[in-house]
Every structure is written in structure tokens, then in C-alpha cells.
Amino acid sequence: MDQATAAFWLDVIAATAAALWLCGAMFLVRTRSRLAEPTVGEQSLPGKGPAVLASIAKLLTMAPFGHPLQRARIEAATDRELRWRSTGMFAHTAALQANATGAGCTVRHEVAAASRLVTIGLVVAAIGAVVVVTLWHLLGTRVLTSPEPAVRAQVVQMVQAVHLLWPPFLFAGLARMSRRRVVGEIERVLRNLAVTKLAP
């Protein structure tokens, strides 16, 4: 491979790597902002507010390992409000407020998450930026300048940077999925209470 061709491919691969890194970093930052913004929902139930909240509090204490509501620590429990914080993979804070209606109550839920997966992703992204720049510099100064065509062809090793470019997408995606599972589980519990009337 002649030097001009090698330089072309080195720059193309490096530019692609930089673009992928930027997309991953932006995805992580958007994910962190989205998780910090509470998700709000509401469900009408046939039972009284205190009984509904007591039923949910009981479910929180019984959630098994791997459950979206696992490791919940109840921070406040009154006749009108239930607040808890959960750690681990499904880390989140949640608040349920029950307001009486003519036929029962309306439960409003608010969930915010701050997943450590995003933090890990940001660390990996920072390392990835250093690796992309360092690899591009080393290949440009040590390999591209070689008089041997076969050695210059090794500039394609720039693609090795991809090993640190895909994890940010994975961590951000997992963090988003975790929050969706938490919100989905809360909504499922409320729907079940409404259908089965477990909270008379």
C-alpha cells in the first residue's frame, strides 16, 4: 500500500471512529437527562387510598432479586403518599400519591432514575476518546511513515478503536430499558389492583 492510500484510509477510519464516539457520547448525555426527568402517570382504582398504598408497600418489601422494584427502601408512607428509593441495576426514586374520588381513588406515580450504567458509559466514552486519538497518532507517526508497504497497510488497525466505541450505546440502552421496566412494573401493579380489587 502506498503512503497516500494508507494515509487516506487511516483518516477515513479515524473520522468514522470519531463520529461514532460523538454519537455514543451524545446518546449517554441525552439518556442521563431523560432519566433525571420524572416519568409521571395516573391510574384510577376502586379502593381507598390508604389501602392501595399499603398494598403496594407490601409488594415492595416482597420484591425478589432481579425484580424491577427490588431493594426498595421506603422513605415515607402516609395515608396519601408512598415514597421509596431503590438501588442496584434498577436504581430509581418513586413517589405515589393517592387522592380520594367518589368511587375510590386516583393514584399518581412519579419515577426518576439515576443509573450507574450511564456513569460507567461516560467513563468508557472518555477512555474511548483517548484511545481513538492515541491510536490515530501512533499509526500516523510509527506505521504510516514506514518504507515497507506491508507495514503501512497496518493503518487499518485503526478499526480496533471500535472495542471502546460500542459500550456507551450498550450502557445507555440498558439504563433506558431499566427505567422502562420500573415504570412498566408500577403501572402493571396498579392495573392489577384496579382489576382484582385487592385494595378494598
N, C-alpha and C. Protein backbone atom coordinates (compact mmCIF):
# COMPACT_ATOMS: atom_id res chain seq x y z
N MET A 1 0.85 -1.20 0.00
CA MET A 1 0.00 0.00 0.00
C MET A 1 0.88 1.24 0.00
N ASP A 2 0.64 2.15 -0.95
CA ASP A 2 1.46 3.37 -0.98
C ASP A 2 1.04 4.31 0.14
N GLN A 3 1.89 5.29 0.43
CA GLN A 3 1.68 6.14 1.60
C GLN A 3 0.41 6.99 1.49
N ALA A 4 0.11 7.47 0.29
CA ALA A 4 -1.08 8.31 0.12
C ALA A 4 -2.35 7.51 0.40
N THR A 5 -2.39 6.28 -0.11
CA THR A 5 -3.56 5.43 0.13
C THR A 5 -3.68 5.07 1.60
N ALA A 6 -2.54 4.76 2.21
CA ALA A 6 -2.55 4.42 3.64
C ALA A 6 -3.04 5.60 4.48
N ALA A 7 -2.56 6.80 4.13
CA ALA A 7 -2.98 8.00 4.86
C ALA A 7 -4.48 8.24 4.70
N PHE A 8 -4.98 8.00 3.48
CA PHE A 8 -6.41 8.18 3.21
C PHE A 8 -7.25 7.26 4.10
N TRP A 9 -6.90 5.97 4.13
CA TRP A 9 -7.68 5.01 4.91
C TRP A 9 -7.54 5.26 6.41
N LEU A 10 -6.36 5.68 6.84
CA LEU A 10 -6.19 5.99 8.26
C LEU A 10 -7.12 7.13 8.67
N ASP A 11 -7.17 8.17 7.84
CA ASP A 11 -8.01 9.32 8.17
C ASP A 11 -9.50 8.98 8.08
N VAL A 12 -9.88 8.16 7.09
CA VAL A 12 -11.29 7.78 6.95
C VAL A 12 -11.75 6.96 8.15
N ILE A 13 -10.94 5.99 8.53
CA ILE A 13 -11.32 5.14 9.67
C ILE A 13 -11.34 5.95 10.96
N ALA A 14 -10.35 6.84 11.12
CA ALA A 14 -10.30 7.68 12.32
C ALA A 14 -11.49 8.62 12.38
N ALA A 15 -11.87 9.19 11.25
CA ALA A 15 -13.02 10.10 11.21
C ALA A 15 -14.31 9.34 11.54
N THR A 16 -14.43 8.12 11.03
CA THR A 16 -15.61 7.30 11.34
C THR A 16 -15.65 6.98 12.83
N ALA A 17 -14.49 6.64 13.38
CA ALA A 17 -14.41 6.35 14.82
C ALA A 17 -14.79 7.56 15.64
N ALA A 18 -14.33 8.74 15.22
CA ALA A 18 -14.66 9.97 15.95
C ALA A 18 -16.16 10.26 15.89
N ALA A 19 -16.76 10.01 14.73
CA ALA A 19 -18.20 10.23 14.58
C ALA A 19 -18.99 9.27 15.47
N LEU A 20 -18.57 8.01 15.51
CA LEU A 20 -19.23 7.03 16.37
C LEU A 20 -19.08 7.40 17.84
N TRP A 21 -17.89 7.87 18.21
CA TRP A 21 -17.66 8.28 19.59
C TRP A 21 -18.59 9.43 19.96
N LEU A 22 -18.71 10.41 19.07
CA LEU A 22 -19.57 11.56 19.33
C LEU A 22 -21.03 11.13 19.49
N CYS A 23 -21.48 10.22 18.63
CA CYS A 23 -22.86 9.72 18.73
C CYS A 23 -23.08 9.01 20.07
N GLY A 24 -22.11 8.19 20.47
CA GLY A 24 -22.24 7.48 21.75
C GLY A 24 -22.26 8.43 22.92
N ALA A 25 -21.39 9.45 22.90
CA ALA A 25 -21.34 10.43 23.99
C ALA A 25 -22.65 11.21 24.07
N MET A 26 -23.17 11.62 22.93
CA MET A 26 -24.43 12.36 22.92
C MET A 26 -25.59 11.50 23.40
N PHE A 27 -25.58 10.22 23.03
CA PHE A 27 -26.62 9.30 23.47
C PHE A 27 -26.59 9.15 24.99
N LEU A 28 -25.38 9.08 25.55
CA LEU A 28 -25.24 8.97 27.00
C LEU A 28 -25.75 10.22 27.71
N VAL A 29 -25.38 11.39 27.19
CA VAL A 29 -25.81 12.65 27.82
C VAL A 29 -27.32 12.80 27.74
N ARG A 30 -27.91 12.47 26.59
CA ARG A 30 -29.37 12.54 26.45
C ARG A 30 -30.05 11.54 27.38
N THR A 31 -29.45 10.37 27.53
CA THR A 31 -30.02 9.36 28.42
C THR A 31 -30.00 9.84 29.86
N ARG A 32 -28.88 10.43 30.28
CA ARG A 32 -28.79 10.94 31.65
C ARG A 32 -29.86 12.00 31.91
N SER A 33 -30.06 12.90 30.94
CA SER A 33 -31.08 13.94 31.09
C SER A 33 -32.48 13.34 31.13
N ARG A 34 -32.72 12.36 30.27
CA ARG A 34 -34.04 11.74 30.20
C ARG A 34 -34.36 10.98 31.49
N LEU A 35 -33.37 10.30 32.05
CA LEU A 35 -33.61 9.54 33.27
C LEU A 35 -33.87 10.46 34.46
N ALA A 36 -33.21 11.63 34.45
CA ALA A 36 -33.38 12.57 35.56
C ALA A 36 -34.75 13.24 35.53
N GLU A 37 -35.36 13.29 34.35
CA GLU A 37 -36.69 13.88 34.23
C GLU A 37 -37.75 12.85 34.62
N PRO A 38 -38.53 13.13 35.66
CA PRO A 38 -39.50 12.14 36.15
C PRO A 38 -40.54 11.73 35.10
N THR A 39 -40.87 10.45 35.13
CA THR A 39 -41.97 9.93 34.32
C THR A 39 -43.22 9.92 35.20
N VAL A 40 -44.28 10.52 34.72
CA VAL A 40 -45.49 10.68 35.52
C VAL A 40 -46.64 9.91 34.87
N GLY A 41 -47.45 9.26 35.71
CA GLY A 41 -48.62 8.55 35.23
C GLY A 41 -49.71 8.56 36.27
N GLU A 42 -50.88 8.10 35.89
CA GLU A 42 -52.02 8.12 36.81
C GLU A 42 -52.94 6.94 36.53
N GLN A 43 -53.52 6.40 37.59
CA GLN A 43 -54.41 5.25 37.47
C GLN A 43 -55.57 5.40 38.45
N SER A 44 -56.79 5.18 37.99
CA SER A 44 -57.96 5.21 38.86
C SER A 44 -58.18 3.81 39.43
N LEU A 45 -58.43 3.74 40.73
CA LEU A 45 -58.61 2.46 41.43
C LEU A 45 -59.91 2.47 42.22
N PRO A 46 -60.49 1.30 42.42
CA PRO A 46 -61.77 1.22 43.14
C PRO A 46 -61.64 1.30 44.66
N GLY A 47 -60.45 1.08 45.22
CA GLY A 47 -60.30 1.06 46.67
C GLY A 47 -59.96 2.40 47.27
N LYS A 48 -59.82 2.42 48.58
CA LYS A 48 -59.44 3.64 49.28
C LYS A 48 -57.92 3.83 49.21
N GLY A 49 -57.51 5.09 49.18
CA GLY A 49 -56.10 5.43 49.02
C GLY A 49 -55.16 4.75 50.01
N PRO A 50 -55.42 4.82 51.31
CA PRO A 50 -54.51 4.20 52.28
C PRO A 50 -54.33 2.70 52.06
N ALA A 51 -55.42 2.02 51.72
CA ALA A 51 -55.34 0.57 51.49
C ALA A 51 -54.53 0.27 50.23
N VAL A 52 -54.72 1.08 49.21
CA VAL A 52 -53.96 0.89 47.97
C VAL A 52 -52.48 1.06 48.22
N LEU A 53 -52.09 2.13 48.89
CA LEU A 53 -50.68 2.39 49.18
C LEU A 53 -50.08 1.32 50.09
N ALA A 54 -50.88 0.83 51.02
CA ALA A 54 -50.40 -0.24 51.91
C ALA A 54 -50.14 -1.51 51.11
N SER A 55 -51.00 -1.80 50.14
CA SER A 55 -50.81 -2.99 49.30
C SER A 55 -49.54 -2.88 48.48
N ILE A 56 -49.28 -1.71 47.94
CA ILE A 56 -48.07 -1.51 47.14
C ILE A 56 -46.83 -1.57 48.02
N ALA A 57 -46.89 -0.99 49.21
CA ALA A 57 -45.75 -1.04 50.13
C ALA A 57 -45.41 -2.48 50.48
N LYS A 58 -46.43 -3.31 50.65
CA LYS A 58 -46.20 -4.73 50.94
C LYS A 58 -45.51 -5.42 49.78
N LEU A 59 -45.94 -5.09 48.55
CA LEU A 59 -45.31 -5.67 47.37
C LEU A 59 -43.84 -5.27 47.27
N LEU A 60 -43.53 -4.03 47.66
CA LEU A 60 -42.15 -3.56 47.61
C LEU A 60 -41.25 -4.37 48.53
N THR A 61 -41.75 -4.70 49.71
CA THR A 61 -40.94 -5.45 50.66
C THR A 61 -40.74 -6.90 50.24
N MET A 62 -41.59 -7.38 49.33
CA MET A 62 -41.51 -8.79 48.91
C MET A 62 -40.86 -8.98 47.54
N ALA A 63 -40.45 -7.89 46.88
CA ALA A 63 -39.91 -7.99 45.53
C ALA A 63 -38.62 -8.82 45.53
N PRO A 64 -38.54 -9.89 44.74
CA PRO A 64 -37.36 -10.76 44.73
C PRO A 64 -36.20 -10.15 43.94
N PHE A 65 -35.03 -10.76 44.06
CA PHE A 65 -33.86 -10.31 43.32
C PHE A 65 -34.12 -10.39 41.83
N GLY A 66 -33.73 -9.35 41.10
CA GLY A 66 -33.97 -9.32 39.66
C GLY A 66 -35.26 -8.64 39.27
N HIS A 67 -36.10 -8.36 40.26
CA HIS A 67 -37.37 -7.69 40.01
C HIS A 67 -37.11 -6.18 39.86
N PRO A 68 -37.83 -5.49 38.97
CA PRO A 68 -37.60 -4.05 38.79
C PRO A 68 -37.77 -3.22 40.05
N LEU A 69 -38.54 -3.71 41.00
CA LEU A 69 -38.75 -2.97 42.25
C LEU A 69 -37.96 -3.56 43.41
N GLN A 70 -36.92 -4.29 43.10
CA GLN A 70 -36.09 -4.91 44.14
C GLN A 70 -35.34 -3.85 44.94
N ARG A 71 -34.93 -4.23 46.14
CA ARG A 71 -34.09 -3.41 47.01
C ARG A 71 -34.69 -2.03 47.26
N ALA A 72 -36.01 -1.98 47.37
CA ALA A 72 -36.68 -0.70 47.64
C ALA A 72 -36.60 -0.36 49.12
N ARG A 73 -36.22 0.88 49.41
CA ARG A 73 -36.20 1.35 50.79
C ARG A 73 -37.26 2.44 50.91
N ILE A 74 -38.30 2.14 51.66
CA ILE A 74 -39.41 3.08 51.81
C ILE A 74 -38.95 4.27 52.67
N GLU A 75 -39.11 5.47 52.11
CA GLU A 75 -38.66 6.68 52.81
C GLU A 75 -39.81 7.43 53.46
N ALA A 76 -41.01 7.26 52.94
CA ALA A 76 -42.18 7.92 53.54
C ALA A 76 -43.42 7.11 53.19
N ALA A 77 -44.28 6.93 54.19
CA ALA A 77 -45.52 6.17 53.97
C ALA A 77 -46.62 6.80 54.82
N THR A 78 -47.54 7.48 54.17
CA THR A 78 -48.68 8.09 54.85
C THR A 78 -49.95 7.60 54.17
N ASP A 79 -51.07 8.11 54.63
CA ASP A 79 -52.34 7.72 54.03
C ASP A 79 -52.49 8.23 52.60
N ARG A 80 -51.70 9.24 52.24
CA ARG A 80 -51.85 9.84 50.91
C ARG A 80 -50.60 9.69 50.03
N GLU A 81 -49.49 9.28 50.62
CA GLU A 81 -48.27 9.25 49.82
C GLU A 81 -47.36 8.08 50.22
N LEU A 82 -46.70 7.52 49.21
CA LEU A 82 -45.71 6.47 49.42
C LEU A 82 -44.49 6.82 48.59
N ARG A 83 -43.34 6.94 49.26
CA ARG A 83 -42.08 7.26 48.59
C ARG A 83 -41.04 6.19 48.88
N TRP A 84 -40.26 5.85 47.87
CA TRP A 84 -39.18 4.89 48.11
C TRP A 84 -38.01 5.16 47.18
N ARG A 85 -36.89 4.57 47.55
CA ARG A 85 -35.67 4.66 46.75
C ARG A 85 -35.12 3.25 46.59
N SER A 86 -34.70 2.93 45.37
CA SER A 86 -34.17 1.60 45.10
C SER A 86 -32.78 1.72 44.51
N THR A 87 -31.90 0.79 44.85
CA THR A 87 -30.53 0.81 44.35
C THR A 87 -30.29 -0.40 43.45
N GLY A 88 -29.09 -0.50 42.94
CA GLY A 88 -28.77 -1.63 42.08
C GLY A 88 -29.01 -1.30 40.62
N MET A 89 -29.17 -2.34 39.81
CA MET A 89 -29.36 -2.16 38.37
C MET A 89 -30.59 -1.31 38.06
N PHE A 90 -31.65 -1.47 38.85
CA PHE A 90 -32.90 -0.74 38.61
C PHE A 90 -33.01 0.46 39.56
N ALA A 91 -31.89 1.15 39.80
CA ALA A 91 -31.88 2.29 40.72
C ALA A 91 -32.89 3.36 40.29
N HIS A 92 -33.70 3.79 41.24
CA HIS A 92 -34.70 4.81 40.94
C HIS A 92 -35.27 5.38 42.23
N THR A 93 -35.95 6.49 42.11
CA THR A 93 -36.75 7.03 43.21
C THR A 93 -38.17 7.13 42.68
N ALA A 94 -39.13 6.87 43.54
CA ALA A 94 -40.52 6.88 43.10
C ALA A 94 -41.41 7.45 44.19
N ALA A 95 -42.49 8.06 43.75
CA ALA A 95 -43.48 8.60 44.68
C ALA A 95 -44.87 8.31 44.13
N LEU A 96 -45.74 7.78 44.99
CA LEU A 96 -47.13 7.53 44.64
C LEU A 96 -48.01 8.39 45.55
N GLN A 97 -48.96 9.08 44.95
CA GLN A 97 -49.89 9.90 45.71
C GLN A 97 -51.31 9.43 45.42
N ALA A 98 -52.05 9.17 46.48
CA ALA A 98 -53.43 8.69 46.33
C ALA A 98 -54.40 9.80 46.74
N ASN A 99 -55.29 10.13 45.83
CA ASN A 99 -56.31 11.15 46.10
C ASN A 99 -57.69 10.52 45.97
N ALA A 100 -58.51 10.74 46.98
CA ALA A 100 -59.85 10.14 47.01
C ALA A 100 -60.73 10.70 45.91
N THR A 101 -61.54 9.80 45.33
CA THR A 101 -62.56 10.20 44.35
C THR A 101 -63.89 9.64 44.84
N GLY A 102 -64.94 9.90 44.11
CA GLY A 102 -66.25 9.43 44.54
C GLY A 102 -66.34 7.93 44.65
N ALA A 103 -65.74 7.21 43.69
CA ALA A 103 -65.86 5.75 43.66
C ALA A 103 -64.63 5.03 44.18
N GLY A 104 -63.62 5.75 44.54
CA GLY A 104 -62.39 5.10 45.01
C GLY A 104 -61.28 6.11 45.16
N CYS A 105 -60.20 5.96 44.37
CA CYS A 105 -59.09 6.89 44.45
C CYS A 105 -58.35 6.94 43.12
N THR A 106 -57.56 7.97 42.98
CA THR A 106 -56.68 8.12 41.83
C THR A 106 -55.26 8.12 42.34
N VAL A 107 -54.44 7.25 41.78
CA VAL A 107 -53.04 7.14 42.21
C VAL A 107 -52.15 7.73 41.12
N ARG A 108 -51.38 8.72 41.50
CA ARG A 108 -50.44 9.37 40.58
C ARG A 108 -49.03 8.88 40.93
N HIS A 109 -48.31 8.39 39.92
CA HIS A 109 -46.95 7.92 40.20
C HIS A 109 -45.92 8.76 39.45
N GLU A 110 -44.78 8.95 40.09
CA GLU A 110 -43.69 9.74 39.53
C GLU A 110 -42.38 8.97 39.76
N VAL A 111 -41.66 8.70 38.69
CA VAL A 111 -40.44 7.89 38.78
C VAL A 111 -39.29 8.62 38.12
N ALA A 112 -38.17 8.69 38.83
CA ALA A 112 -36.93 9.25 38.27
C ALA A 112 -35.82 8.24 38.51
N ALA A 113 -34.87 8.17 37.59
CA ALA A 113 -33.78 7.20 37.71
C ALA A 113 -32.44 7.90 37.54
N ALA A 114 -31.42 7.31 38.16
CA ALA A 114 -30.04 7.80 38.02
C ALA A 114 -29.14 6.57 37.97
N SER A 115 -29.16 5.91 36.84
CA SER A 115 -28.47 4.64 36.72
C SER A 115 -26.95 4.79 36.70
N ARG A 116 -26.28 3.92 37.45
CA ARG A 116 -24.82 3.90 37.42
C ARG A 116 -24.30 3.44 36.06
N LEU A 117 -25.16 2.80 35.29
CA LEU A 117 -24.76 2.36 33.96
C LEU A 117 -24.37 3.56 33.08
N VAL A 118 -25.06 4.68 33.26
CA VAL A 118 -24.73 5.88 32.49
C VAL A 118 -23.36 6.40 32.90
N THR A 119 -23.10 6.39 34.19
CA THR A 119 -21.79 6.85 34.68
C THR A 119 -20.68 5.97 34.13
N ILE A 120 -20.90 4.66 34.15
CA ILE A 120 -19.90 3.74 33.60
C ILE A 120 -19.71 4.02 32.11
N GLY A 121 -20.82 4.25 31.41
CA GLY A 121 -20.74 4.55 29.98
C GLY A 121 -19.94 5.81 29.70
N LEU A 122 -20.11 6.83 30.54
CA LEU A 122 -19.37 8.08 30.36
C LEU A 122 -17.87 7.87 30.58
N VAL A 123 -17.53 7.03 31.56
CA VAL A 123 -16.12 6.72 31.80
C VAL A 123 -15.52 6.00 30.60
N VAL A 124 -16.26 5.01 30.09
CA VAL A 124 -15.79 4.28 28.90
C VAL A 124 -15.65 5.21 27.71
N ALA A 125 -16.58 6.15 27.56
CA ALA A 125 -16.52 7.11 26.46
C ALA A 125 -15.29 7.99 26.57
N ALA A 126 -14.96 8.40 27.78
CA ALA A 126 -13.76 9.23 27.98
C ALA A 126 -12.50 8.45 27.61
N ILE A 127 -12.46 7.19 28.04
CA ILE A 127 -11.31 6.34 27.69
C ILE A 127 -11.26 6.13 26.18
N GLY A 128 -12.43 5.94 25.57
CA GLY A 128 -12.51 5.74 24.13
C GLY A 128 -11.96 6.93 23.36
N ALA A 129 -12.25 8.15 23.83
CA ALA A 129 -11.73 9.34 23.16
C ALA A 129 -10.20 9.35 23.18
N VAL A 130 -9.63 9.01 24.34
CA VAL A 130 -8.17 8.97 24.46
C VAL A 130 -7.58 7.91 23.54
N VAL A 131 -8.22 6.75 23.50
CA VAL A 131 -7.72 5.65 22.67
C VAL A 131 -7.77 6.01 21.19
N VAL A 132 -8.87 6.62 20.74
CA VAL A 132 -9.00 6.98 19.32
C VAL A 132 -7.90 7.96 18.92
N VAL A 133 -7.69 8.99 19.71
CA VAL A 133 -6.67 9.99 19.39
C VAL A 133 -5.27 9.39 19.45
N THR A 134 -5.01 8.59 20.49
CA THR A 134 -3.68 7.99 20.65
C THR A 134 -3.38 7.01 19.53
N LEU A 135 -4.36 6.17 19.20
CA LEU A 135 -4.15 5.18 18.15
C LEU A 135 -3.92 5.86 16.80
N TRP A 136 -4.70 6.91 16.52
CA TRP A 136 -4.52 7.65 15.26
C TRP A 136 -3.12 8.27 15.20
N HIS A 137 -2.67 8.82 16.31
CA HIS A 137 -1.34 9.46 16.35
C HIS A 137 -0.23 8.43 16.18
N LEU A 138 -0.33 7.32 16.90
CA LEU A 138 0.72 6.30 16.82
C LEU A 138 0.80 5.68 15.42
N LEU A 139 -0.36 5.38 14.84
CA LEU A 139 -0.36 4.80 13.49
C LEU A 139 0.17 5.80 12.46
N GLY A 140 -0.13 7.06 12.68
CA GLY A 140 0.32 8.07 11.74
C GLY A 140 1.80 8.35 11.81
N THR A 141 2.38 8.20 13.01
CA THR A 141 3.80 8.52 13.17
C THR A 141 4.71 7.29 13.11
N ARG A 142 4.16 6.14 13.44
CA ARG A 142 5.00 4.93 13.50
C ARG A 142 4.80 3.98 12.33
N VAL A 143 3.56 3.91 11.83
CA VAL A 143 3.24 2.93 10.79
C VAL A 143 3.17 3.59 9.41
N LEU A 144 2.48 4.71 9.33
CA LEU A 144 2.30 5.37 8.04
C LEU A 144 3.63 5.79 7.41
N THR A 145 4.60 6.12 8.23
CA THR A 145 5.89 6.59 7.72
C THR A 145 6.87 5.46 7.38
N SER A 146 6.44 4.22 7.58
CA SER A 146 7.34 3.09 7.29
C SER A 146 7.61 2.98 5.79
N PRO A 147 8.84 2.62 5.42
CA PRO A 147 9.15 2.43 4.00
C PRO A 147 8.58 1.13 3.43
N GLU A 148 8.11 0.24 4.30
CA GLU A 148 7.58 -1.05 3.86
C GLU A 148 6.08 -0.95 3.58
N PRO A 149 5.64 -1.27 2.36
CA PRO A 149 4.21 -1.21 2.01
C PRO A 149 3.34 -2.09 2.91
N ALA A 150 3.86 -3.27 3.25
CA ALA A 150 3.08 -4.18 4.09
C ALA A 150 2.87 -3.60 5.48
N VAL A 151 3.85 -2.89 5.98
CA VAL A 151 3.73 -2.27 7.30
C VAL A 151 2.73 -1.11 7.23
N ARG A 152 2.81 -0.30 6.16
CA ARG A 152 1.88 0.82 6.02
C ARG A 152 0.44 0.35 5.94
N ALA A 153 0.23 -0.83 5.39
CA ALA A 153 -1.13 -1.38 5.29
C ALA A 153 -1.76 -1.62 6.66
N GLN A 154 -0.93 -1.68 7.69
CA GLN A 154 -1.45 -1.94 9.03
C GLN A 154 -2.18 -0.74 9.63
N VAL A 155 -2.24 0.37 8.89
CA VAL A 155 -3.02 1.50 9.40
C VAL A 155 -4.49 1.12 9.58
N VAL A 156 -4.91 0.05 8.91
CA VAL A 156 -6.31 -0.39 9.07
C VAL A 156 -6.58 -0.88 10.48
N GLN A 157 -5.53 -1.07 11.28
CA GLN A 157 -5.72 -1.45 12.67
C GLN A 157 -6.43 -0.37 13.46
N MET A 158 -6.61 0.77 12.83
CA MET A 158 -7.38 1.86 13.47
C MET A 158 -8.78 1.38 13.83
N VAL A 159 -9.26 0.36 13.13
CA VAL A 159 -10.61 -0.17 13.42
C VAL A 159 -10.69 -0.79 14.81
N GLN A 160 -9.55 -1.09 15.43
CA GLN A 160 -9.56 -1.67 16.77
C GLN A 160 -10.19 -0.73 17.79
N ALA A 161 -10.27 0.55 17.45
CA ALA A 161 -10.88 1.51 18.37
C ALA A 161 -12.35 1.19 18.63
N VAL A 162 -12.95 0.41 17.73
CA VAL A 162 -14.38 0.10 17.87
C VAL A 162 -14.69 -0.61 19.18
N HIS A 163 -13.70 -1.28 19.76
CA HIS A 163 -13.93 -2.02 21.01
C HIS A 163 -14.35 -1.11 22.16
N LEU A 164 -14.00 0.18 22.06
CA LEU A 164 -14.40 1.13 23.10
C LEU A 164 -15.47 2.10 22.61
N LEU A 165 -15.98 1.88 21.40
CA LEU A 165 -16.98 2.78 20.85
C LEU A 165 -18.40 2.26 21.00
N TRP A 166 -18.58 0.92 21.06
CA TRP A 166 -19.95 0.40 21.18
C TRP A 166 -20.47 0.30 22.62
N PRO A 167 -19.59 0.14 23.65
CA PRO A 167 -20.14 0.02 25.01
C PRO A 167 -20.99 1.20 25.47
N PRO A 168 -20.66 2.47 25.13
CA PRO A 168 -21.55 3.56 25.57
C PRO A 168 -22.99 3.39 25.09
N PHE A 169 -23.18 2.90 23.87
CA PHE A 169 -24.53 2.65 23.39
C PHE A 169 -25.21 1.56 24.21
N LEU A 170 -24.44 0.53 24.56
CA LEU A 170 -24.98 -0.57 25.36
C LEU A 170 -25.41 -0.09 26.74
N PHE A 171 -24.53 0.64 27.43
CA PHE A 171 -24.84 1.08 28.79
C PHE A 171 -26.02 2.04 28.81
N ALA A 172 -26.07 2.96 27.85
CA ALA A 172 -27.20 3.90 27.80
C ALA A 172 -28.49 3.16 27.49
N GLY A 173 -28.43 2.20 26.57
CA GLY A 173 -29.61 1.42 26.23
C GLY A 173 -30.13 0.61 27.41
N LEU A 174 -29.21 0.00 28.16
CA LEU A 174 -29.61 -0.77 29.33
C LEU A 174 -30.23 0.13 30.40
N ALA A 175 -29.67 1.33 30.56
CA ALA A 175 -30.22 2.26 31.55
C ALA A 175 -31.64 2.68 31.18
N ARG A 176 -31.86 2.94 29.91
CA ARG A 176 -33.21 3.31 29.46
C ARG A 176 -34.18 2.15 29.65
N MET A 177 -33.72 0.94 29.32
CA MET A 177 -34.57 -0.24 29.48
C MET A 177 -34.92 -0.46 30.94
N SER A 178 -33.96 -0.22 31.84
CA SER A 178 -34.20 -0.42 33.27
C SER A 178 -35.30 0.51 33.76
N ARG A 179 -35.23 1.78 33.35
CA ARG A 179 -36.27 2.72 33.78
C ARG A 179 -37.63 2.34 33.21
N ARG A 180 -37.64 1.89 31.95
CA ARG A 180 -38.92 1.46 31.35
C ARG A 180 -39.50 0.28 32.12
N ARG A 181 -38.63 -0.63 32.56
CA ARG A 181 -39.13 -1.79 33.31
C ARG A 181 -39.70 -1.38 34.65
N VAL A 182 -39.08 -0.41 35.31
CA VAL A 182 -39.57 0.06 36.60
C VAL A 182 -40.95 0.70 36.43
N VAL A 183 -41.05 1.62 35.47
CA VAL A 183 -42.33 2.29 35.23
C VAL A 183 -43.39 1.28 34.80
N GLY A 184 -43.00 0.36 33.93
CA GLY A 184 -43.94 -0.66 33.48
C GLY A 184 -44.44 -1.54 34.61
N GLU A 185 -43.55 -1.86 35.55
CA GLU A 185 -43.97 -2.71 36.67
C GLU A 185 -44.92 -1.97 37.60
N ILE A 186 -44.65 -0.69 37.86
CA ILE A 186 -45.56 0.10 38.69
C ILE A 186 -46.94 0.18 38.04
N GLU A 187 -46.96 0.43 36.76
CA GLU A 187 -48.24 0.50 36.05
C GLU A 187 -48.95 -0.84 36.05
N ARG A 188 -48.19 -1.92 35.93
CA ARG A 188 -48.79 -3.26 35.96
C ARG A 188 -49.43 -3.54 37.31
N VAL A 189 -48.72 -3.18 38.39
CA VAL A 189 -49.25 -3.40 39.74
C VAL A 189 -50.54 -2.61 39.94
N LEU A 190 -50.54 -1.36 39.48
CA LEU A 190 -51.74 -0.54 39.64
C LEU A 190 -52.91 -1.08 38.82
N ARG A 191 -52.61 -1.55 37.61
CA ARG A 191 -53.69 -2.13 36.78
C ARG A 191 -54.25 -3.38 37.44
N ASN A 192 -53.36 -4.20 38.00
CA ASN A 192 -53.83 -5.43 38.68
C ASN A 192 -54.69 -5.11 39.89
N LEU A 193 -54.30 -4.07 40.63
CA LEU A 193 -55.11 -3.68 41.79
C LEU A 193 -56.49 -3.19 41.34
N ALA A 194 -56.52 -2.50 40.21
CA ALA A 194 -57.80 -1.99 39.71
C ALA A 194 -58.71 -3.13 39.26
N VAL A 195 -58.12 -4.16 38.63
CA VAL A 195 -58.92 -5.26 38.10
C VAL A 195 -59.34 -6.24 39.20
N THR A 196 -58.38 -6.60 40.06
CA THR A 196 -58.68 -7.62 41.07
C THR A 196 -59.27 -7.05 42.35
N LYS A 197 -59.22 -5.71 42.44
CA LYS A 197 -59.77 -5.05 43.65
C LYS A 197 -59.13 -5.59 44.91
N LEU A 198 -57.77 -5.64 44.88
CA LEU A 198 -57.05 -6.11 46.05
C LEU A 198 -57.01 -5.07 47.15
N ALA A 199 -57.43 -3.86 46.82
CA ALA A 199 -57.39 -2.79 47.81
C ALA A 199 -58.81 -2.27 48.07
N PRO A 200 -59.57 -2.98 48.83
CA PRO A 200 -60.99 -2.62 49.03
C PRO A 200 -61.13 -1.33 49.85
